[in-house]
């Protein structure tokens, strides 16, 4: 598949790019500064701001699917990018006739605090949670084949363990997974389509 990874230079984005390449996909990395991602030459780099609708539409042309790893970028803290970015992505995908979209959300979004990380998200990172909730609402109304991945806390050290996923699980304590594990799960779900129209929580079983 031809896959557009939005937010490709962040920690989650880089691992999604790596997993997609390992799975044999062709990858376009979209971010404001894609040259900073340290990507191998086979990755197509496209510079642009996800809040620029024209730039997003141009990047989506010729793609088969989109993965958004937009998160809480410190330089955008006064204007969290997830909802605005997904709004532009959805519009561009509809115009191009694309259907498959995976977006990175967060554990604890959309309900009562769940576990320590859910409490942190809803209490200390309230603006981030509101942005994720608005993003998920846009996905629900999109008519696309979407999946919102609700990840727990993330760390950088790679692990080889496979992840489990469920839509109704409560994680204990400060549950965490690696960005590498998350990237592999997201790329696998792109074609497995086990959670289309759902918000799976991914975790280490």
N, C-alpha and C. Protein backbone atom coordinates (compact mmCIF):
# COMPACT_ATOMS: atom_id res chain seq x y z
N UNK A 1 0.83 -1.20 0.00
CA UNK A 1 0.00 0.00 0.00
C UNK A 1 0.87 1.25 0.00
N UNK A 2 0.33 2.34 -0.50
CA UNK A 2 0.93 3.66 -0.36
C UNK A 2 0.33 4.31 0.88
N UNK A 3 1.15 4.58 1.88
CA UNK A 3 0.67 5.05 3.17
C UNK A 3 1.23 6.43 3.47
N UNK A 4 0.35 7.35 3.84
CA UNK A 4 0.76 8.66 4.32
C UNK A 4 0.79 8.62 5.84
N UNK A 5 1.95 8.93 6.42
CA UNK A 5 2.07 9.02 7.88
C UNK A 5 2.15 10.50 8.24
N UNK A 6 1.15 10.97 8.95
CA UNK A 6 1.07 12.37 9.35
C UNK A 6 1.66 12.52 10.75
N UNK A 7 2.50 13.52 10.94
CA UNK A 7 3.22 13.64 12.19
C UNK A 7 4.38 12.67 12.25
N UNK A 8 5.01 12.45 11.10
CA UNK A 8 5.95 11.35 10.94
C UNK A 8 7.26 11.52 11.70
N UNK A 9 7.62 12.73 12.09
CA UNK A 9 8.91 12.94 12.74
C UNK A 9 8.85 12.85 14.27
N UNK A 10 7.65 12.69 14.83
CA UNK A 10 7.54 12.48 16.27
C UNK A 10 7.95 11.07 16.64
N UNK A 11 8.13 10.78 17.93
CA UNK A 11 8.54 9.43 18.35
C UNK A 11 7.61 8.33 17.85
N UNK A 12 6.30 8.55 17.92
CA UNK A 12 5.36 7.55 17.42
C UNK A 12 5.39 7.47 15.91
N UNK A 13 5.46 8.61 15.25
CA UNK A 13 5.48 8.63 13.79
C UNK A 13 6.66 7.90 13.21
N UNK A 14 7.84 8.10 13.79
CA UNK A 14 9.03 7.44 13.25
C UNK A 14 8.91 5.92 13.35
N UNK A 15 8.32 5.43 14.43
CA UNK A 15 8.17 3.98 14.57
C UNK A 15 7.11 3.43 13.62
N UNK A 16 6.08 4.20 13.35
CA UNK A 16 5.09 3.77 12.36
C UNK A 16 5.73 3.70 10.98
N UNK A 17 6.53 4.68 10.63
CA UNK A 17 7.23 4.66 9.34
C UNK A 17 8.11 3.41 9.25
N UNK A 18 8.87 3.13 10.31
CA UNK A 18 9.75 1.96 10.31
C UNK A 18 8.96 0.66 10.16
N UNK A 19 7.84 0.56 10.87
CA UNK A 19 7.03 -0.65 10.79
C UNK A 19 6.39 -0.81 9.42
N UNK A 20 5.96 0.30 8.84
CA UNK A 20 5.34 0.23 7.51
C UNK A 20 6.35 -0.19 6.46
N UNK A 21 7.56 0.32 6.54
CA UNK A 21 8.60 -0.09 5.60
C UNK A 21 8.93 -1.57 5.76
N UNK A 22 9.02 -2.03 7.01
CA UNK A 22 9.32 -3.43 7.28
C UNK A 22 8.23 -4.36 6.74
N UNK A 23 7.00 -3.84 6.69
CA UNK A 23 5.87 -4.63 6.17
C UNK A 23 5.75 -4.55 4.66
N UNK A 24 6.63 -3.80 4.01
CA UNK A 24 6.64 -3.73 2.56
C UNK A 24 5.81 -2.64 1.94
N UNK A 25 5.34 -1.70 2.75
CA UNK A 25 4.54 -0.60 2.23
C UNK A 25 5.44 0.52 1.71
N UNK A 26 4.88 1.37 0.86
CA UNK A 26 5.55 2.59 0.42
C UNK A 26 5.04 3.73 1.29
N UNK A 27 5.97 4.51 1.82
CA UNK A 27 5.62 5.47 2.86
C UNK A 27 5.94 6.90 2.43
N UNK A 28 4.98 7.79 2.67
CA UNK A 28 5.19 9.22 2.56
C UNK A 28 5.14 9.81 3.96
N UNK A 29 6.20 10.52 4.36
CA UNK A 29 6.28 11.13 5.68
C UNK A 29 5.89 12.60 5.58
N UNK A 30 4.83 12.97 6.28
CA UNK A 30 4.32 14.34 6.25
C UNK A 30 4.51 14.98 7.62
N UNK A 31 5.21 16.09 7.65
CA UNK A 31 5.36 16.89 8.87
C UNK A 31 5.91 18.25 8.47
N UNK A 32 6.03 19.12 9.42
CA UNK A 32 6.54 20.46 9.09
C UNK A 32 8.01 20.40 8.70
N UNK A 33 8.75 19.46 9.28
CA UNK A 33 10.18 19.34 8.98
C UNK A 33 10.55 17.87 8.78
N UNK A 34 10.08 17.24 7.72
CA UNK A 34 10.31 15.80 7.55
C UNK A 34 11.77 15.41 7.43
N UNK A 35 12.61 16.34 7.04
CA UNK A 35 14.04 16.05 6.92
C UNK A 35 14.67 15.76 8.28
N UNK A 36 13.98 16.10 9.36
CA UNK A 36 14.51 15.86 10.70
C UNK A 36 14.20 14.47 11.23
N UNK A 37 13.52 13.66 10.42
CA UNK A 37 13.12 12.34 10.89
C UNK A 37 14.19 11.28 10.79
N UNK A 38 15.28 11.55 10.08
CA UNK A 38 16.33 10.55 9.92
C UNK A 38 15.88 9.36 9.10
N UNK A 39 14.99 9.57 8.15
CA UNK A 39 14.42 8.47 7.38
C UNK A 39 15.38 7.98 6.30
N UNK A 40 15.23 6.72 5.92
CA UNK A 40 16.00 6.15 4.83
C UNK A 40 15.50 6.71 3.49
N UNK A 41 16.32 6.59 2.43
CA UNK A 41 15.97 7.26 1.16
C UNK A 41 14.67 6.82 0.53
N UNK A 42 14.19 5.61 0.84
CA UNK A 42 12.96 5.16 0.19
C UNK A 42 11.71 5.85 0.72
N UNK A 43 11.83 6.59 1.81
CA UNK A 43 10.69 7.33 2.35
C UNK A 43 10.55 8.65 1.60
N UNK A 44 9.37 8.91 1.08
CA UNK A 44 9.09 10.18 0.40
C UNK A 44 8.78 11.22 1.45
N UNK A 45 9.46 12.35 1.39
CA UNK A 45 9.29 13.42 2.37
C UNK A 45 8.42 14.53 1.81
N UNK A 46 7.42 14.92 2.58
CA UNK A 46 6.55 16.03 2.19
C UNK A 46 6.43 16.98 3.38
N UNK A 47 6.85 18.22 3.18
CA UNK A 47 6.80 19.22 4.25
C UNK A 47 5.46 19.96 4.20
N UNK A 48 4.87 20.16 5.38
CA UNK A 48 3.63 20.90 5.45
C UNK A 48 3.06 20.88 6.84
N UNK A 49 2.18 21.82 7.11
CA UNK A 49 1.48 21.91 8.39
C UNK A 49 0.13 21.24 8.25
N UNK A 50 -0.19 20.35 9.18
CA UNK A 50 -1.44 19.59 9.09
C UNK A 50 -2.67 20.50 9.18
N UNK A 51 -2.48 21.72 9.68
CA UNK A 51 -3.59 22.67 9.76
C UNK A 51 -3.79 23.44 8.46
N UNK A 52 -2.94 23.14 7.46
CA UNK A 52 -3.06 23.74 6.13
C UNK A 52 -3.79 22.74 5.24
N UNK A 53 -5.05 23.00 4.96
CA UNK A 53 -5.88 22.05 4.23
C UNK A 53 -5.32 21.74 2.85
N UNK A 54 -4.79 22.73 2.16
CA UNK A 54 -4.24 22.51 0.82
C UNK A 54 -3.02 21.61 0.86
N UNK A 55 -2.16 21.80 1.87
CA UNK A 55 -0.97 20.97 2.00
C UNK A 55 -1.35 19.52 2.29
N UNK A 56 -2.34 19.33 3.14
CA UNK A 56 -2.79 17.97 3.45
C UNK A 56 -3.38 17.30 2.21
N UNK A 57 -4.20 18.03 1.47
CA UNK A 57 -4.81 17.46 0.26
C UNK A 57 -3.75 17.06 -0.75
N UNK A 58 -2.71 17.87 -0.91
CA UNK A 58 -1.64 17.54 -1.85
C UNK A 58 -0.89 16.30 -1.41
N UNK A 59 -0.66 16.14 -0.11
CA UNK A 59 0.07 14.98 0.40
C UNK A 59 -0.74 13.70 0.26
N UNK A 60 -2.06 13.78 0.35
CA UNK A 60 -2.91 12.60 0.29
C UNK A 60 -3.08 12.08 -1.13
N UNK A 61 -2.85 12.92 -2.12
CA UNK A 61 -3.00 12.49 -3.51
C UNK A 61 -2.10 11.29 -3.79
N UNK A 62 -2.69 10.23 -4.34
CA UNK A 62 -1.94 9.03 -4.69
C UNK A 62 -1.76 8.02 -3.57
N UNK A 63 -2.32 8.29 -2.39
CA UNK A 63 -2.18 7.37 -1.26
C UNK A 63 -3.32 6.35 -1.24
N UNK A 64 -3.10 5.27 -0.50
CA UNK A 64 -4.14 4.26 -0.28
C UNK A 64 -4.74 4.33 1.11
N UNK A 65 -3.99 4.84 2.06
CA UNK A 65 -4.44 4.92 3.45
C UNK A 65 -3.64 5.99 4.17
N UNK A 66 -4.16 6.41 5.32
CA UNK A 66 -3.51 7.46 6.12
C UNK A 66 -3.41 6.99 7.56
N UNK A 67 -2.25 7.23 8.17
CA UNK A 67 -2.05 7.02 9.60
C UNK A 67 -1.66 8.35 10.21
N UNK A 68 -2.43 8.81 11.18
CA UNK A 68 -2.12 10.06 11.87
C UNK A 68 -1.54 9.74 13.25
N UNK A 69 -0.33 10.23 13.49
CA UNK A 69 0.29 10.09 14.81
C UNK A 69 0.43 11.44 15.49
N UNK A 70 -0.45 12.35 15.14
CA UNK A 70 -0.42 13.68 15.76
C UNK A 70 -0.57 13.58 17.26
N UNK A 71 0.22 14.38 17.97
CA UNK A 71 0.15 14.36 19.43
C UNK A 71 0.32 15.75 19.98
N UNK A 72 0.75 15.81 21.22
CA UNK A 72 0.89 17.09 21.90
C UNK A 72 2.27 17.67 21.61
N UNK A 73 2.38 18.38 20.52
CA UNK A 73 3.64 19.04 20.17
C UNK A 73 3.81 20.29 21.00
N UNK A 74 4.92 20.40 21.72
CA UNK A 74 5.10 21.55 22.61
C UNK A 74 5.03 22.87 21.88
N UNK A 75 5.50 22.90 20.64
CA UNK A 75 5.46 24.16 19.89
C UNK A 75 4.05 24.53 19.47
N UNK A 76 3.11 23.59 19.64
CA UNK A 76 1.72 23.85 19.29
C UNK A 76 0.82 23.83 20.54
N UNK A 77 1.40 24.01 21.72
CA UNK A 77 0.65 23.80 22.96
C UNK A 77 -0.54 24.75 23.09
N UNK A 78 -0.48 25.90 22.45
CA UNK A 78 -1.61 26.82 22.52
C UNK A 78 -2.68 26.51 21.47
N UNK A 79 -2.38 25.58 20.58
CA UNK A 79 -3.33 25.17 19.55
C UNK A 79 -3.08 23.69 19.24
N UNK A 80 -3.56 22.78 20.12
CA UNK A 80 -3.33 21.36 19.90
C UNK A 80 -3.78 20.93 18.50
N UNK A 81 -3.01 20.08 17.82
CA UNK A 81 -3.21 19.86 16.39
C UNK A 81 -4.15 18.72 16.00
N UNK A 82 -4.55 17.87 16.94
CA UNK A 82 -5.23 16.63 16.53
C UNK A 82 -6.56 16.87 15.83
N UNK A 83 -7.44 17.63 16.45
CA UNK A 83 -8.76 17.84 15.86
C UNK A 83 -8.68 18.61 14.55
N UNK A 84 -7.92 19.70 14.53
CA UNK A 84 -7.79 20.47 13.30
C UNK A 84 -7.14 19.63 12.20
N UNK A 85 -6.14 18.85 12.57
CA UNK A 85 -5.49 18.01 11.59
C UNK A 85 -6.40 16.93 11.03
N UNK A 86 -7.14 16.26 11.90
CA UNK A 86 -8.05 15.21 11.44
C UNK A 86 -9.15 15.80 10.57
N UNK A 87 -9.61 16.97 10.89
CA UNK A 87 -10.64 17.61 10.07
C UNK A 87 -10.14 17.78 8.63
N UNK A 88 -8.91 18.24 8.47
CA UNK A 88 -8.35 18.41 7.14
C UNK A 88 -8.06 17.07 6.47
N UNK A 89 -7.60 16.11 7.24
CA UNK A 89 -7.33 14.78 6.69
C UNK A 89 -8.62 14.14 6.17
N UNK A 90 -9.67 14.21 6.95
CA UNK A 90 -10.95 13.62 6.55
C UNK A 90 -11.46 14.26 5.25
N UNK A 91 -11.42 15.58 5.20
CA UNK A 91 -11.90 16.27 4.00
C UNK A 91 -11.09 15.87 2.78
N UNK A 92 -9.77 15.79 2.93
CA UNK A 92 -8.92 15.44 1.80
C UNK A 92 -9.11 13.98 1.39
N UNK A 93 -9.30 13.09 2.35
CA UNK A 93 -9.54 11.69 2.03
C UNK A 93 -10.85 11.51 1.28
N UNK A 94 -11.87 12.19 1.71
CA UNK A 94 -13.16 12.09 1.01
C UNK A 94 -13.04 12.60 -0.42
N UNK A 95 -12.34 13.71 -0.60
CA UNK A 95 -12.17 14.27 -1.95
C UNK A 95 -11.38 13.32 -2.84
N UNK A 96 -10.44 12.57 -2.25
CA UNK A 96 -9.61 11.66 -3.02
C UNK A 96 -10.19 10.25 -3.13
N UNK A 97 -11.28 9.98 -2.42
CA UNK A 97 -11.90 8.67 -2.46
C UNK A 97 -11.23 7.64 -1.59
N UNK A 98 -10.45 8.06 -0.59
CA UNK A 98 -9.81 7.13 0.33
C UNK A 98 -10.74 6.81 1.49
N UNK A 99 -10.54 5.60 2.07
CA UNK A 99 -11.42 5.18 3.16
C UNK A 99 -10.69 4.86 4.47
N UNK A 100 -9.49 4.26 4.39
CA UNK A 100 -8.86 3.71 5.60
C UNK A 100 -8.00 4.76 6.31
N UNK A 101 -8.35 5.00 7.59
CA UNK A 101 -7.68 6.01 8.39
C UNK A 101 -7.49 5.47 9.81
N UNK A 102 -6.25 5.50 10.29
CA UNK A 102 -5.96 5.19 11.69
C UNK A 102 -5.40 6.44 12.34
N UNK A 103 -5.92 6.78 13.52
CA UNK A 103 -5.46 7.96 14.23
C UNK A 103 -5.07 7.58 15.65
N UNK A 104 -3.95 8.13 16.10
CA UNK A 104 -3.48 7.86 17.44
C UNK A 104 -4.22 8.73 18.44
N UNK A 105 -4.91 8.09 19.37
CA UNK A 105 -5.60 8.80 20.44
C UNK A 105 -4.86 8.50 21.75
N UNK A 106 -5.57 8.39 22.86
CA UNK A 106 -4.89 8.13 24.14
C UNK A 106 -5.84 7.43 25.09
N UNK A 107 -5.29 6.53 25.88
CA UNK A 107 -6.06 5.83 26.92
C UNK A 107 -6.64 6.85 27.91
N UNK A 108 -7.91 6.68 28.22
CA UNK A 108 -8.58 7.61 29.13
C UNK A 108 -9.37 8.69 28.43
N UNK A 109 -9.28 8.76 27.10
CA UNK A 109 -10.03 9.75 26.35
C UNK A 109 -11.50 9.38 26.32
N UNK A 110 -12.35 10.38 26.47
CA UNK A 110 -13.77 10.18 26.22
C UNK A 110 -14.57 9.61 27.37
N UNK A 111 -14.03 9.61 28.58
CA UNK A 111 -14.79 9.06 29.69
C UNK A 111 -14.13 9.36 31.02
N UNK A 112 -14.56 8.65 32.04
CA UNK A 112 -13.98 8.83 33.37
C UNK A 112 -12.51 8.41 33.36
N UNK A 113 -11.69 9.02 34.23
CA UNK A 113 -10.29 8.64 34.29
C UNK A 113 -10.13 7.15 34.56
N UNK A 114 -9.25 6.50 33.81
CA UNK A 114 -9.03 5.06 33.93
C UNK A 114 -7.58 4.82 34.29
N UNK A 115 -7.35 4.38 35.53
CA UNK A 115 -5.99 4.12 35.94
C UNK A 115 -5.19 5.41 36.09
N UNK A 116 -3.92 5.27 36.42
CA UNK A 116 -3.08 6.43 36.67
C UNK A 116 -2.89 7.28 35.43
N UNK A 117 -2.62 6.64 34.27
CA UNK A 117 -2.40 7.42 33.06
C UNK A 117 -3.68 8.15 32.64
N UNK A 118 -4.83 7.48 32.78
CA UNK A 118 -6.09 8.15 32.46
C UNK A 118 -6.32 9.36 33.34
N UNK A 119 -5.95 9.24 34.61
CA UNK A 119 -6.09 10.39 35.52
C UNK A 119 -5.16 11.52 35.10
N UNK A 120 -3.92 11.19 34.76
CA UNK A 120 -2.97 12.22 34.31
C UNK A 120 -3.50 12.93 33.08
N UNK A 121 -4.02 12.16 32.13
CA UNK A 121 -4.52 12.75 30.89
C UNK A 121 -5.67 13.71 31.16
N UNK A 122 -6.62 13.28 31.98
CA UNK A 122 -7.82 14.09 32.19
C UNK A 122 -7.59 15.26 33.15
N UNK A 123 -6.60 15.13 34.05
CA UNK A 123 -6.39 16.14 35.08
C UNK A 123 -5.25 17.09 34.73
N UNK A 124 -4.11 16.54 34.42
CA UNK A 124 -2.93 17.37 34.18
C UNK A 124 -2.78 17.76 32.72
N UNK A 125 -3.38 16.97 31.83
CA UNK A 125 -3.27 17.25 30.40
C UNK A 125 -4.67 17.43 29.81
N UNK A 126 -5.46 18.25 30.47
CA UNK A 126 -6.86 18.40 30.08
C UNK A 126 -7.02 18.92 28.66
N UNK A 127 -6.15 19.86 28.25
CA UNK A 127 -6.25 20.40 26.89
C UNK A 127 -5.96 19.32 25.85
N UNK A 128 -5.01 18.46 26.17
CA UNK A 128 -4.71 17.34 25.26
C UNK A 128 -5.90 16.42 25.15
N UNK A 129 -6.53 16.10 26.29
CA UNK A 129 -7.68 15.22 26.26
C UNK A 129 -8.84 15.83 25.46
N UNK A 130 -9.09 17.12 25.65
CA UNK A 130 -10.18 17.75 24.89
C UNK A 130 -9.90 17.67 23.38
N UNK A 131 -8.65 17.85 23.01
CA UNK A 131 -8.27 17.77 21.60
C UNK A 131 -8.48 16.36 21.07
N UNK A 132 -8.09 15.35 21.84
CA UNK A 132 -8.29 13.96 21.43
C UNK A 132 -9.78 13.63 21.34
N UNK A 133 -10.57 14.11 22.29
CA UNK A 133 -12.02 13.86 22.26
C UNK A 133 -12.66 14.49 21.03
N UNK A 134 -12.25 15.71 20.69
CA UNK A 134 -12.79 16.37 19.50
C UNK A 134 -12.38 15.61 18.25
N UNK A 135 -11.14 15.12 18.23
CA UNK A 135 -10.67 14.32 17.10
C UNK A 135 -11.52 13.06 16.94
N UNK A 136 -11.75 12.35 18.04
CA UNK A 136 -12.54 11.12 17.96
C UNK A 136 -13.97 11.40 17.48
N UNK A 137 -14.54 12.50 17.92
CA UNK A 137 -15.89 12.86 17.46
C UNK A 137 -15.90 13.07 15.95
N UNK A 138 -14.90 13.73 15.42
CA UNK A 138 -14.81 13.94 13.97
C UNK A 138 -14.67 12.61 13.24
N UNK A 139 -13.91 11.69 13.80
CA UNK A 139 -13.78 10.37 13.19
C UNK A 139 -15.13 9.66 13.15
N UNK A 140 -15.87 9.73 14.24
CA UNK A 140 -17.17 9.07 14.32
C UNK A 140 -18.14 9.59 13.27
N UNK A 141 -18.02 10.86 12.93
CA UNK A 141 -18.93 11.47 11.97
C UNK A 141 -18.41 11.42 10.53
N UNK A 142 -17.24 10.83 10.32
CA UNK A 142 -16.56 10.95 9.03
C UNK A 142 -17.11 10.07 7.93
N UNK A 143 -17.67 8.91 8.28
CA UNK A 143 -18.08 7.96 7.25
C UNK A 143 -16.93 7.16 6.67
N UNK A 144 -15.72 7.33 7.21
CA UNK A 144 -14.56 6.59 6.74
C UNK A 144 -14.39 5.29 7.52
N UNK A 145 -13.49 4.45 7.07
CA UNK A 145 -13.13 3.23 7.80
C UNK A 145 -12.02 3.59 8.79
N UNK A 146 -12.41 4.15 9.91
CA UNK A 146 -11.46 4.71 10.86
C UNK A 146 -11.22 3.79 12.04
N UNK A 147 -10.08 3.96 12.66
CA UNK A 147 -9.76 3.33 13.95
C UNK A 147 -9.03 4.37 14.79
N UNK A 148 -9.48 4.58 16.03
CA UNK A 148 -8.81 5.48 16.97
C UNK A 148 -8.08 4.63 17.99
N UNK A 149 -6.77 4.67 17.98
CA UNK A 149 -5.96 3.81 18.84
C UNK A 149 -5.69 4.52 20.16
N UNK A 150 -6.23 3.97 21.24
CA UNK A 150 -6.08 4.57 22.56
C UNK A 150 -4.90 3.91 23.27
N UNK A 151 -3.75 4.52 23.11
CA UNK A 151 -2.53 3.98 23.71
C UNK A 151 -2.36 4.46 25.15
N UNK A 152 -1.74 3.63 26.00
CA UNK A 152 -1.38 4.09 27.34
C UNK A 152 -0.10 4.91 27.28
N UNK A 153 0.59 5.03 28.41
CA UNK A 153 1.85 5.76 28.42
C UNK A 153 2.86 5.09 27.50
N UNK A 154 3.71 5.90 26.88
CA UNK A 154 4.67 5.40 25.90
C UNK A 154 6.10 5.65 26.37
N UNK A 155 6.99 4.72 26.02
CA UNK A 155 8.40 4.94 26.26
C UNK A 155 9.17 4.49 25.03
N UNK A 156 10.43 4.87 24.94
CA UNK A 156 11.17 4.70 23.69
C UNK A 156 11.81 3.33 23.52
N UNK A 157 12.18 2.65 24.60
CA UNK A 157 12.94 1.41 24.48
C UNK A 157 12.14 0.35 23.76
N UNK A 158 12.67 -0.22 22.66
CA UNK A 158 11.89 -1.20 21.91
C UNK A 158 11.68 -2.49 22.67
N UNK A 159 10.56 -3.13 22.40
CA UNK A 159 10.24 -4.45 22.94
C UNK A 159 9.75 -5.31 21.79
N UNK A 160 9.93 -6.60 21.93
CA UNK A 160 9.50 -7.52 20.88
C UNK A 160 8.15 -8.17 21.19
N UNK A 161 7.62 -7.93 22.36
CA UNK A 161 6.38 -8.59 22.76
C UNK A 161 5.20 -8.08 21.95
N UNK A 162 4.31 -8.98 21.52
CA UNK A 162 3.09 -8.53 20.83
C UNK A 162 2.13 -7.87 21.81
N UNK A 163 1.27 -7.04 21.29
CA UNK A 163 0.30 -6.34 22.12
C UNK A 163 -1.08 -6.97 21.97
N UNK A 164 -1.88 -6.83 23.02
CA UNK A 164 -3.29 -7.18 22.96
C UNK A 164 -4.10 -5.91 22.78
N UNK A 165 -5.36 -6.06 22.44
CA UNK A 165 -6.23 -4.90 22.24
C UNK A 165 -7.65 -5.24 22.63
N UNK A 166 -8.34 -4.28 23.22
CA UNK A 166 -9.73 -4.45 23.61
C UNK A 166 -10.36 -3.07 23.71
N UNK A 167 -11.67 -3.02 23.60
CA UNK A 167 -12.36 -1.73 23.67
C UNK A 167 -12.94 -1.44 25.05
N UNK A 168 -12.88 -2.41 25.97
CA UNK A 168 -13.58 -2.25 27.24
C UNK A 168 -12.73 -2.65 28.44
N UNK A 169 -11.41 -2.54 28.32
CA UNK A 169 -10.53 -2.98 29.39
C UNK A 169 -10.09 -1.78 30.24
N UNK A 170 -9.88 -2.02 31.54
CA UNK A 170 -9.31 -1.02 32.44
C UNK A 170 -7.90 -1.48 32.78
N UNK A 171 -6.91 -0.65 32.49
CA UNK A 171 -5.52 -1.00 32.74
C UNK A 171 -5.12 -0.60 34.16
N UNK A 172 -4.28 -1.41 34.76
CA UNK A 172 -3.85 -1.16 36.13
C UNK A 172 -2.65 -0.23 36.17
N UNK A 173 -2.64 0.66 37.16
CA UNK A 173 -1.48 1.50 37.41
C UNK A 173 -1.08 2.36 36.23
N UNK A 174 0.22 2.56 36.08
CA UNK A 174 0.76 3.36 34.99
C UNK A 174 1.15 2.41 33.85
N UNK A 175 0.16 1.83 33.20
CA UNK A 175 0.43 0.89 32.11
C UNK A 175 1.18 1.60 31.00
N UNK A 176 2.11 0.88 30.37
CA UNK A 176 2.91 1.49 29.33
C UNK A 176 3.29 0.48 28.27
N UNK A 177 3.58 0.98 27.08
CA UNK A 177 4.08 0.18 25.97
C UNK A 177 5.16 1.00 25.28
N UNK A 178 5.92 0.35 24.41
CA UNK A 178 6.95 1.10 23.68
C UNK A 178 6.37 1.66 22.38
N UNK A 179 6.98 2.73 21.90
CA UNK A 179 6.54 3.30 20.62
C UNK A 179 6.75 2.32 19.48
N UNK A 180 7.76 1.44 19.58
CA UNK A 180 7.99 0.44 18.54
C UNK A 180 6.86 -0.58 18.50
N UNK A 181 6.45 -1.06 19.67
CA UNK A 181 5.32 -1.99 19.74
C UNK A 181 4.06 -1.34 19.16
N UNK A 182 3.82 -0.11 19.57
CA UNK A 182 2.65 0.62 19.08
C UNK A 182 2.68 0.75 17.56
N UNK A 183 3.84 1.10 17.01
CA UNK A 183 3.96 1.26 15.56
C UNK A 183 3.64 -0.01 14.81
N UNK A 184 4.16 -1.13 15.30
CA UNK A 184 3.89 -2.41 14.63
C UNK A 184 2.42 -2.76 14.70
N UNK A 185 1.78 -2.51 15.86
CA UNK A 185 0.36 -2.83 15.99
C UNK A 185 -0.47 -1.99 15.03
N UNK A 186 -0.18 -0.71 14.95
CA UNK A 186 -0.94 0.18 14.07
C UNK A 186 -0.82 -0.25 12.61
N UNK A 187 0.38 -0.56 12.17
CA UNK A 187 0.58 -0.96 10.77
C UNK A 187 -0.14 -2.28 10.49
N UNK A 188 -0.10 -3.20 11.44
CA UNK A 188 -0.82 -4.46 11.26
C UNK A 188 -2.33 -4.24 11.17
N UNK A 189 -2.84 -3.37 12.02
CA UNK A 189 -4.28 -3.09 12.03
C UNK A 189 -4.74 -2.40 10.75
N UNK A 190 -3.84 -1.72 10.09
CA UNK A 190 -4.20 -1.02 8.85
C UNK A 190 -4.87 -1.97 7.86
N UNK A 191 -4.33 -3.17 7.74
CA UNK A 191 -4.88 -4.15 6.78
C UNK A 191 -5.71 -5.23 7.46
N UNK A 192 -5.46 -5.49 8.75
CA UNK A 192 -6.24 -6.52 9.45
C UNK A 192 -7.68 -6.07 9.66
N UNK A 193 -7.87 -4.77 9.90
CA UNK A 193 -9.22 -4.18 10.01
C UNK A 193 -10.06 -4.86 11.09
N UNK A 194 -9.47 -5.17 12.22
CA UNK A 194 -10.20 -5.81 13.32
C UNK A 194 -11.02 -4.79 14.11
N UNK A 195 -10.64 -3.52 14.03
CA UNK A 195 -11.28 -2.50 14.86
C UNK A 195 -11.74 -1.30 14.03
N UNK A 196 -12.33 -1.56 12.89
CA UNK A 196 -12.86 -0.48 12.07
C UNK A 196 -14.08 0.13 12.78
N UNK A 197 -14.08 1.46 12.88
CA UNK A 197 -15.16 2.14 13.56
C UNK A 197 -15.13 1.97 15.07
N UNK A 198 -13.96 1.61 15.62
CA UNK A 198 -13.84 1.37 17.06
C UNK A 198 -12.62 2.10 17.62
N UNK A 199 -12.52 2.06 18.96
CA UNK A 199 -11.46 2.76 19.68
C UNK A 199 -10.72 1.77 20.59
N UNK A 200 -9.90 0.93 20.01
CA UNK A 200 -9.23 -0.09 20.82
C UNK A 200 -8.17 0.50 21.75
N UNK A 201 -8.10 -0.07 22.95
CA UNK A 201 -7.01 0.20 23.88
C UNK A 201 -5.95 -0.87 23.62
N UNK A 202 -4.73 -0.46 23.35
CA UNK A 202 -3.67 -1.43 23.12
C UNK A 202 -2.79 -1.50 24.37
N UNK A 203 -2.37 -2.71 24.72
CA UNK A 203 -1.66 -2.91 25.99
C UNK A 203 -0.86 -4.20 25.92
N UNK A 204 0.09 -4.33 26.84
CA UNK A 204 0.87 -5.55 26.93
C UNK A 204 0.12 -6.52 27.84
N UNK A 205 -0.29 -7.64 27.29
CA UNK A 205 -1.11 -8.61 28.05
C UNK A 205 -0.28 -9.30 29.13
